Amino acid sequence: MGAIGSRLAGGVLGAVLFAGPAAAVQAHAGLEGLVAHEFGHALFAAGMVVVGAMVVRRVGRAPAWARFRAFLALIILWNALAFFGHLLDLRVSPGQFAVRNGRVVAFAPQVPLDWAYYLTRFDHLVLLPALWCLWAALRQWHAGEEEP
């Protein structure tokens, strides 16, 4: 390895070994992060609508494609749940959450919109079946049972 390669490798290795902590979630001050995140959900859902329209027009009703269409429908629903859940999060009071040892352990809904917010927190019940549908379609295509 030449001088440039060894410096590059040392720099990458040094960055990996001596990097500061990396947070899984990065919060932004004000509404900047929320607006960008919500825009991402809207674009993702719109993209899945376009893909869905293309699939419905150009592909038959074979089982793998049915699973893929189910994935698209569920991922659009997941984006809608997440989008509205984030908006409802703005109106929930921090006092409605019971915190023990730094963890939220309970939520006290006071009005119907609080219940809607609470239900949006279960978006994984839509996301996991969506991912299963995608996996099942990909597995079937990989097995060569249908053309993708």
N, C-alpha and C. Protein backbone atom coordinates (compact mmCIF):
# COMPACT_ATOMS: atom_id res chain seq x y z
N MET A 1 0.87 -1.17 0.00
CA MET A 1 0.00 0.00 0.00
C MET A 1 0.91 1.22 0.00
N GLY A 2 0.61 2.19 -0.84
CA GLY A 2 1.42 3.39 -0.92
C GLY A 2 1.18 4.32 0.26
N ALA A 3 1.88 5.46 0.25
CA ALA A 3 1.77 6.43 1.34
C ALA A 3 0.36 6.99 1.45
N ILE A 4 -0.26 7.26 0.30
CA ILE A 4 -1.62 7.79 0.32
C ILE A 4 -2.59 6.75 0.84
N GLY A 5 -2.44 5.49 0.40
CA GLY A 5 -3.31 4.41 0.85
C GLY A 5 -3.20 4.17 2.34
N SER A 6 -1.95 4.19 2.87
CA SER A 6 -1.79 3.95 4.30
C SER A 6 -2.36 5.10 5.12
N ARG A 7 -2.22 6.33 4.64
CA ARG A 7 -2.81 7.47 5.35
C ARG A 7 -4.33 7.39 5.33
N LEU A 8 -4.90 6.99 4.18
CA LEU A 8 -6.34 6.84 4.07
C LEU A 8 -6.84 5.75 5.00
N ALA A 9 -6.17 4.60 5.00
CA ALA A 9 -6.56 3.49 5.88
C ALA A 9 -6.43 3.90 7.34
N GLY A 10 -5.34 4.58 7.69
CA GLY A 10 -5.18 5.05 9.07
C GLY A 10 -6.25 6.04 9.45
N GLY A 11 -6.63 6.90 8.51
CA GLY A 11 -7.67 7.89 8.79
C GLY A 11 -9.02 7.23 9.01
N VAL A 12 -9.36 6.26 8.17
CA VAL A 12 -10.63 5.55 8.32
C VAL A 12 -10.62 4.74 9.60
N LEU A 13 -9.51 4.02 9.84
CA LEU A 13 -9.40 3.22 11.05
C LEU A 13 -9.44 4.11 12.29
N GLY A 14 -8.74 5.22 12.22
CA GLY A 14 -8.76 6.16 13.35
C GLY A 14 -10.14 6.72 13.59
N ALA A 15 -10.84 7.02 12.52
CA ALA A 15 -12.20 7.55 12.66
C ALA A 15 -13.12 6.51 13.28
N VAL A 16 -12.93 5.25 12.93
CA VAL A 16 -13.76 4.19 13.49
C VAL A 16 -13.42 3.95 14.95
N LEU A 17 -12.14 3.89 15.26
CA LEU A 17 -11.71 3.58 16.63
C LEU A 17 -11.91 4.74 17.60
N PHE A 18 -11.77 5.96 17.13
CA PHE A 18 -11.81 7.10 18.05
C PHE A 18 -12.97 8.04 17.78
N ALA A 19 -14.03 7.53 17.15
CA ALA A 19 -15.19 8.37 16.85
C ALA A 19 -15.96 8.66 18.13
N GLY A 20 -16.62 9.78 18.14
CA GLY A 20 -17.47 10.14 19.27
C GLY A 20 -18.76 9.33 19.22
N PRO A 21 -19.60 9.48 20.22
CA PRO A 21 -20.86 8.73 20.23
C PRO A 21 -21.77 9.16 19.07
N ALA A 22 -22.47 8.20 18.51
CA ALA A 22 -23.41 8.46 17.42
C ALA A 22 -24.81 8.14 17.91
N ALA A 23 -25.69 9.10 17.81
CA ALA A 23 -27.06 8.89 18.27
C ALA A 23 -27.89 8.26 17.15
N ALA A 24 -28.81 7.39 17.52
CA ALA A 24 -29.69 6.77 16.54
C ALA A 24 -30.70 7.77 16.02
N VAL A 25 -31.05 8.74 16.82
CA VAL A 25 -32.03 9.75 16.45
C VAL A 25 -31.39 11.12 16.65
N GLN A 26 -31.45 11.94 15.64
CA GLN A 26 -30.89 13.27 15.74
C GLN A 26 -32.03 14.27 15.75
N ALA A 27 -32.18 14.99 16.83
CA ALA A 27 -33.25 15.98 16.94
C ALA A 27 -32.76 17.31 16.38
N HIS A 28 -33.67 18.04 15.77
CA HIS A 28 -33.36 19.37 15.25
C HIS A 28 -34.17 20.38 16.04
N ALA A 29 -33.60 21.54 16.22
CA ALA A 29 -34.32 22.60 16.94
C ALA A 29 -35.51 23.07 16.12
N GLY A 30 -36.57 23.48 16.78
CA GLY A 30 -37.75 23.99 16.10
C GLY A 30 -38.44 22.92 15.28
N LEU A 31 -39.09 23.35 14.22
CA LEU A 31 -39.84 22.42 13.39
C LEU A 31 -39.06 21.90 12.18
N GLU A 32 -37.80 22.30 12.06
CA GLU A 32 -37.00 21.92 10.89
C GLU A 32 -36.97 20.41 10.69
N GLY A 33 -36.64 19.67 11.72
CA GLY A 33 -36.55 18.22 11.60
C GLY A 33 -37.88 17.58 11.31
N LEU A 34 -38.94 18.06 11.97
CA LEU A 34 -40.27 17.49 11.76
C LEU A 34 -40.74 17.72 10.33
N VAL A 35 -40.53 18.92 9.82
CA VAL A 35 -40.97 19.22 8.45
C VAL A 35 -40.23 18.33 7.45
N ALA A 36 -38.92 18.19 7.63
CA ALA A 36 -38.14 17.34 6.72
C ALA A 36 -38.59 15.89 6.83
N HIS A 37 -38.84 15.43 8.04
CA HIS A 37 -39.26 14.05 8.26
C HIS A 37 -40.65 13.80 7.66
N GLU A 38 -41.56 14.72 7.88
CA GLU A 38 -42.91 14.58 7.34
C GLU A 38 -42.88 14.62 5.81
N PHE A 39 -42.04 15.47 5.26
CA PHE A 39 -41.89 15.54 3.81
C PHE A 39 -41.40 14.19 3.28
N GLY A 40 -40.50 13.56 4.02
CA GLY A 40 -40.01 12.24 3.65
C GLY A 40 -41.13 11.20 3.63
N HIS A 41 -42.00 11.22 4.66
CA HIS A 41 -43.13 10.29 4.68
C HIS A 41 -44.06 10.53 3.49
N ALA A 42 -44.33 11.81 3.19
CA ALA A 42 -45.22 12.14 2.07
C ALA A 42 -44.63 11.68 0.74
N LEU A 43 -43.33 11.91 0.54
CA LEU A 43 -42.69 11.49 -0.71
C LEU A 43 -42.63 9.97 -0.82
N PHE A 44 -42.34 9.31 0.29
CA PHE A 44 -42.29 7.84 0.28
C PHE A 44 -43.65 7.28 -0.09
N ALA A 45 -44.71 7.78 0.53
CA ALA A 45 -46.06 7.30 0.22
C ALA A 45 -46.42 7.60 -1.22
N ALA A 46 -46.10 8.80 -1.70
CA ALA A 46 -46.41 9.16 -3.09
C ALA A 46 -45.66 8.24 -4.05
N GLY A 47 -44.41 7.93 -3.75
CA GLY A 47 -43.64 7.03 -4.58
C GLY A 47 -44.25 5.64 -4.64
N MET A 48 -44.74 5.17 -3.51
CA MET A 48 -45.37 3.86 -3.48
C MET A 48 -46.70 3.84 -4.24
N VAL A 49 -47.41 4.97 -4.24
CA VAL A 49 -48.64 5.08 -5.04
C VAL A 49 -48.29 4.97 -6.53
N VAL A 50 -47.23 5.65 -6.94
CA VAL A 50 -46.81 5.60 -8.35
C VAL A 50 -46.39 4.17 -8.72
N VAL A 51 -45.59 3.54 -7.88
CA VAL A 51 -45.17 2.16 -8.15
C VAL A 51 -46.40 1.25 -8.21
N GLY A 52 -47.33 1.45 -7.29
CA GLY A 52 -48.55 0.65 -7.28
C GLY A 52 -49.35 0.81 -8.55
N ALA A 53 -49.46 2.03 -9.03
CA ALA A 53 -50.20 2.27 -10.28
C ALA A 53 -49.51 1.57 -11.45
N MET A 54 -48.19 1.60 -11.47
CA MET A 54 -47.45 0.93 -12.54
C MET A 54 -47.64 -0.59 -12.46
N VAL A 55 -47.62 -1.13 -11.26
CA VAL A 55 -47.77 -2.58 -11.08
C VAL A 55 -49.16 -3.02 -11.51
N VAL A 56 -50.18 -2.27 -11.11
CA VAL A 56 -51.56 -2.65 -11.44
C VAL A 56 -51.78 -2.63 -12.95
N ARG A 57 -51.19 -1.64 -13.63
CA ARG A 57 -51.40 -1.53 -15.08
C ARG A 57 -50.62 -2.56 -15.88
N ARG A 58 -49.44 -2.96 -15.41
CA ARG A 58 -48.55 -3.74 -16.26
C ARG A 58 -48.38 -5.21 -15.86
N VAL A 59 -48.90 -5.61 -14.73
CA VAL A 59 -48.60 -6.94 -14.22
C VAL A 59 -49.89 -7.70 -13.96
N GLY A 60 -49.83 -8.99 -14.13
CA GLY A 60 -50.99 -9.83 -13.89
C GLY A 60 -51.31 -10.01 -12.42
N ARG A 61 -52.10 -10.99 -12.14
CA ARG A 61 -52.59 -11.24 -10.79
C ARG A 61 -51.88 -12.42 -10.11
N ALA A 62 -50.67 -12.72 -10.50
CA ALA A 62 -49.92 -13.84 -9.92
C ALA A 62 -49.70 -13.60 -8.42
N PRO A 63 -49.55 -14.69 -7.64
CA PRO A 63 -49.45 -14.56 -6.18
C PRO A 63 -48.33 -13.64 -5.69
N ALA A 64 -47.15 -13.70 -6.29
CA ALA A 64 -46.07 -12.83 -5.83
C ALA A 64 -46.42 -11.36 -6.04
N TRP A 65 -47.05 -11.06 -7.16
CA TRP A 65 -47.45 -9.68 -7.41
C TRP A 65 -48.57 -9.24 -6.47
N ALA A 66 -49.44 -10.17 -6.09
CA ALA A 66 -50.47 -9.84 -5.11
C ALA A 66 -49.83 -9.49 -3.78
N ARG A 67 -48.79 -10.24 -3.39
CA ARG A 67 -48.08 -9.93 -2.14
C ARG A 67 -47.37 -8.59 -2.25
N PHE A 68 -46.81 -8.32 -3.41
CA PHE A 68 -46.12 -7.04 -3.59
C PHE A 68 -47.12 -5.88 -3.52
N ARG A 69 -48.30 -6.06 -4.11
CA ARG A 69 -49.33 -5.01 -4.02
C ARG A 69 -49.78 -4.83 -2.57
N ALA A 70 -49.87 -5.92 -1.81
CA ALA A 70 -50.22 -5.82 -0.39
C ALA A 70 -49.13 -5.05 0.35
N PHE A 71 -47.86 -5.32 0.02
CA PHE A 71 -46.76 -4.55 0.61
C PHE A 71 -46.94 -3.06 0.34
N LEU A 72 -47.23 -2.72 -0.92
CA LEU A 72 -47.39 -1.31 -1.28
C LEU A 72 -48.54 -0.67 -0.50
N ALA A 73 -49.67 -1.36 -0.42
CA ALA A 73 -50.82 -0.81 0.31
C ALA A 73 -50.49 -0.62 1.79
N LEU A 74 -49.82 -1.60 2.38
CA LEU A 74 -49.49 -1.49 3.81
C LEU A 74 -48.43 -0.42 4.07
N ILE A 75 -47.48 -0.26 3.16
CA ILE A 75 -46.44 0.74 3.37
C ILE A 75 -47.02 2.15 3.21
N ILE A 76 -48.00 2.29 2.33
CA ILE A 76 -48.69 3.59 2.20
C ILE A 76 -49.47 3.87 3.48
N LEU A 77 -50.17 2.87 4.00
CA LEU A 77 -50.89 3.03 5.27
C LEU A 77 -49.93 3.36 6.40
N TRP A 78 -48.79 2.68 6.45
CA TRP A 78 -47.79 2.96 7.49
C TRP A 78 -47.32 4.41 7.42
N ASN A 79 -47.03 4.89 6.22
CA ASN A 79 -46.60 6.28 6.07
C ASN A 79 -47.67 7.25 6.54
N ALA A 80 -48.93 6.96 6.22
CA ALA A 80 -50.03 7.83 6.68
C ALA A 80 -50.13 7.81 8.20
N LEU A 81 -50.04 6.63 8.80
CA LEU A 81 -50.08 6.55 10.27
C LEU A 81 -48.94 7.33 10.90
N ALA A 82 -47.73 7.14 10.38
CA ALA A 82 -46.57 7.84 10.92
C ALA A 82 -46.71 9.35 10.73
N PHE A 83 -47.15 9.76 9.55
CA PHE A 83 -47.31 11.19 9.26
C PHE A 83 -48.27 11.84 10.27
N PHE A 84 -49.45 11.26 10.42
CA PHE A 84 -50.43 11.85 11.33
C PHE A 84 -50.02 11.68 12.78
N GLY A 85 -49.33 10.60 13.10
CA GLY A 85 -48.83 10.42 14.46
C GLY A 85 -47.84 11.50 14.85
N HIS A 86 -46.96 11.87 13.92
CA HIS A 86 -46.00 12.93 14.20
C HIS A 86 -46.71 14.27 14.39
N LEU A 87 -47.74 14.52 13.59
CA LEU A 87 -48.49 15.77 13.77
C LEU A 87 -49.22 15.79 15.11
N LEU A 88 -49.83 14.67 15.48
CA LEU A 88 -50.53 14.60 16.75
C LEU A 88 -49.57 14.70 17.93
N ASP A 89 -48.34 14.29 17.73
CA ASP A 89 -47.33 14.38 18.77
C ASP A 89 -47.11 15.83 19.22
N LEU A 90 -47.34 16.77 18.31
CA LEU A 90 -47.16 18.19 18.64
C LEU A 90 -48.17 18.68 19.67
N ARG A 91 -49.34 18.06 19.71
CA ARG A 91 -50.39 18.56 20.59
C ARG A 91 -50.48 17.81 21.92
N VAL A 92 -49.72 16.75 22.07
CA VAL A 92 -49.75 15.98 23.31
C VAL A 92 -48.86 16.66 24.34
N SER A 93 -49.38 16.81 25.54
CA SER A 93 -48.63 17.45 26.62
C SER A 93 -47.64 16.47 27.24
N PRO A 94 -46.43 16.93 27.53
CA PRO A 94 -45.46 16.04 28.19
C PRO A 94 -45.97 15.52 29.54
N GLY A 95 -46.89 16.25 30.17
CA GLY A 95 -47.44 15.82 31.44
C GLY A 95 -48.34 14.60 31.33
N GLN A 96 -48.72 14.22 30.13
CA GLN A 96 -49.57 13.05 29.94
C GLN A 96 -48.78 11.74 29.96
N PHE A 97 -47.46 11.84 30.01
CA PHE A 97 -46.60 10.66 30.02
C PHE A 97 -46.08 10.42 31.43
N ALA A 98 -46.17 9.19 31.89
CA ALA A 98 -45.58 8.79 33.17
C ALA A 98 -44.18 8.26 32.88
N VAL A 99 -43.18 8.82 33.55
CA VAL A 99 -41.79 8.45 33.31
C VAL A 99 -41.20 7.87 34.59
N ARG A 100 -40.58 6.71 34.46
CA ARG A 100 -39.86 6.08 35.57
C ARG A 100 -38.48 5.69 35.10
N ASN A 101 -37.49 6.07 35.87
CA ASN A 101 -36.09 5.75 35.53
C ASN A 101 -35.73 6.21 34.12
N GLY A 102 -36.26 7.35 33.72
CA GLY A 102 -35.95 7.91 32.41
C GLY A 102 -36.68 7.27 31.23
N ARG A 103 -37.62 6.37 31.50
CA ARG A 103 -38.37 5.70 30.43
C ARG A 103 -39.85 6.00 30.56
N VAL A 104 -40.52 6.19 29.44
CA VAL A 104 -41.96 6.39 29.44
C VAL A 104 -42.61 5.03 29.71
N VAL A 105 -43.44 4.99 30.76
CA VAL A 105 -44.08 3.72 31.13
C VAL A 105 -45.60 3.76 30.98
N ALA A 106 -46.16 4.96 30.79
CA ALA A 106 -47.61 5.05 30.65
C ALA A 106 -47.97 6.36 29.95
N PHE A 107 -49.16 6.36 29.38
CA PHE A 107 -49.70 7.54 28.70
C PHE A 107 -51.14 7.72 29.15
N ALA A 108 -51.52 8.94 29.50
CA ALA A 108 -52.87 9.21 29.99
C ALA A 108 -53.65 10.02 28.96
N PRO A 109 -54.41 9.36 28.09
CA PRO A 109 -55.20 10.09 27.09
C PRO A 109 -56.32 10.87 27.78
N GLN A 110 -56.58 12.10 27.29
CA GLN A 110 -57.60 12.93 27.91
C GLN A 110 -58.74 13.27 26.94
N VAL A 111 -58.44 13.32 25.66
CA VAL A 111 -59.45 13.64 24.65
C VAL A 111 -59.33 12.62 23.51
N PRO A 112 -60.32 12.52 22.63
CA PRO A 112 -60.27 11.53 21.54
C PRO A 112 -59.00 11.62 20.67
N LEU A 113 -58.49 12.82 20.43
CA LEU A 113 -57.27 12.94 19.63
C LEU A 113 -56.08 12.29 20.33
N ASP A 114 -56.10 12.25 21.67
CA ASP A 114 -55.04 11.55 22.40
C ASP A 114 -55.08 10.06 22.10
N TRP A 115 -56.29 9.52 21.99
CA TRP A 115 -56.43 8.10 21.64
C TRP A 115 -55.93 7.85 20.23
N ALA A 116 -56.21 8.77 19.32
CA ALA A 116 -55.72 8.64 17.94
C ALA A 116 -54.18 8.65 17.96
N TYR A 117 -53.61 9.56 18.74
CA TYR A 117 -52.14 9.60 18.87
C TYR A 117 -51.62 8.26 19.39
N TYR A 118 -52.26 7.75 20.42
CA TYR A 118 -51.83 6.48 21.02
C TYR A 118 -51.87 5.35 19.99
N LEU A 119 -52.93 5.30 19.19
CA LEU A 119 -53.04 4.24 18.18
C LEU A 119 -51.97 4.36 17.10
N THR A 120 -51.55 5.59 16.78
CA THR A 120 -50.49 5.75 15.77
C THR A 120 -49.15 5.23 16.27
N ARG A 121 -49.01 5.07 17.58
CA ARG A 121 -47.76 4.53 18.13
C ARG A 121 -47.61 3.04 17.83
N PHE A 122 -48.67 2.40 17.37
CA PHE A 122 -48.62 0.98 17.03
C PHE A 122 -48.41 0.77 15.54
N ASP A 123 -47.72 1.69 14.90
CA ASP A 123 -47.50 1.60 13.46
C ASP A 123 -46.69 0.36 13.07
N HIS A 124 -45.97 -0.22 14.01
CA HIS A 124 -45.22 -1.45 13.70
C HIS A 124 -46.16 -2.61 13.37
N LEU A 125 -47.41 -2.53 13.82
CA LEU A 125 -48.37 -3.58 13.49
C LEU A 125 -48.79 -3.53 12.03
N VAL A 126 -48.46 -2.45 11.35
CA VAL A 126 -48.68 -2.32 9.91
C VAL A 126 -47.36 -2.54 9.16
N LEU A 127 -46.27 -2.01 9.72
CA LEU A 127 -44.98 -2.08 9.04
C LEU A 127 -44.45 -3.52 8.94
N LEU A 128 -44.55 -4.28 10.01
CA LEU A 128 -44.02 -5.65 9.97
C LEU A 128 -44.75 -6.54 8.96
N PRO A 129 -46.08 -6.52 8.90
CA PRO A 129 -46.74 -7.30 7.83
C PRO A 129 -46.37 -6.80 6.43
N ALA A 130 -46.16 -5.49 6.29
CA ALA A 130 -45.74 -4.96 4.99
C ALA A 130 -44.40 -5.56 4.58
N LEU A 131 -43.46 -5.57 5.51
CA LEU A 131 -42.15 -6.12 5.20
C LEU A 131 -42.22 -7.62 4.95
N TRP A 132 -43.10 -8.32 5.66
CA TRP A 132 -43.28 -9.75 5.40
C TRP A 132 -43.80 -9.96 3.97
N CYS A 133 -44.76 -9.14 3.54
CA CYS A 133 -45.29 -9.27 2.18
C CYS A 133 -44.20 -9.04 1.15
N LEU A 134 -43.36 -8.05 1.38
CA LEU A 134 -42.25 -7.80 0.46
C LEU A 134 -41.30 -8.99 0.44
N TRP A 135 -40.95 -9.49 1.60
CA TRP A 135 -40.06 -10.65 1.69
C TRP A 135 -40.65 -11.86 0.96
N ALA A 136 -41.94 -12.11 1.16
CA ALA A 136 -42.58 -13.27 0.53
C ALA A 136 -42.58 -13.13 -0.99
N ALA A 137 -42.84 -11.92 -1.49
CA ALA A 137 -42.82 -11.71 -2.94
C ALA A 137 -41.41 -11.90 -3.49
N LEU A 138 -40.42 -11.33 -2.82
CA LEU A 138 -39.04 -11.48 -3.27
C LEU A 138 -38.59 -12.94 -3.24
N ARG A 139 -38.99 -13.65 -2.21
CA ARG A 139 -38.64 -15.07 -2.09
C ARG A 139 -39.24 -15.87 -3.24
N GLN A 140 -40.48 -15.57 -3.57
CA GLN A 140 -41.15 -16.30 -4.65
C GLN A 140 -40.50 -15.98 -5.99
N TRP A 141 -40.16 -14.71 -6.20
CA TRP A 141 -39.48 -14.35 -7.45
C TRP A 141 -38.11 -14.99 -7.51
N HIS A 142 -37.39 -15.02 -6.40
CA HIS A 142 -36.06 -15.62 -6.38
C HIS A 142 -36.12 -17.12 -6.67
N ALA A 143 -37.15 -17.77 -6.21
CA ALA A 143 -37.31 -19.20 -6.44
C ALA A 143 -37.65 -19.48 -7.91
N GLY A 144 -37.93 -18.44 -8.67
CA GLY A 144 -38.23 -18.60 -10.08
C GLY A 144 -39.64 -19.04 -10.37
N GLU A 145 -40.51 -18.94 -9.37
CA GLU A 145 -41.90 -19.35 -9.59
C GLU A 145 -42.66 -18.36 -10.47
N GLU A 146 -42.21 -17.12 -10.46
CA GLU A 146 -42.81 -16.08 -11.30
C GLU A 146 -41.73 -15.14 -11.75
N GLU A 147 -41.97 -14.46 -12.83
CA GLU A 147 -41.03 -13.44 -13.29
C GLU A 147 -41.29 -12.14 -12.54
N PRO A 148 -40.24 -11.49 -12.06
CA PRO A 148 -40.45 -10.19 -11.39
C PRO A 148 -40.78 -9.09 -12.36
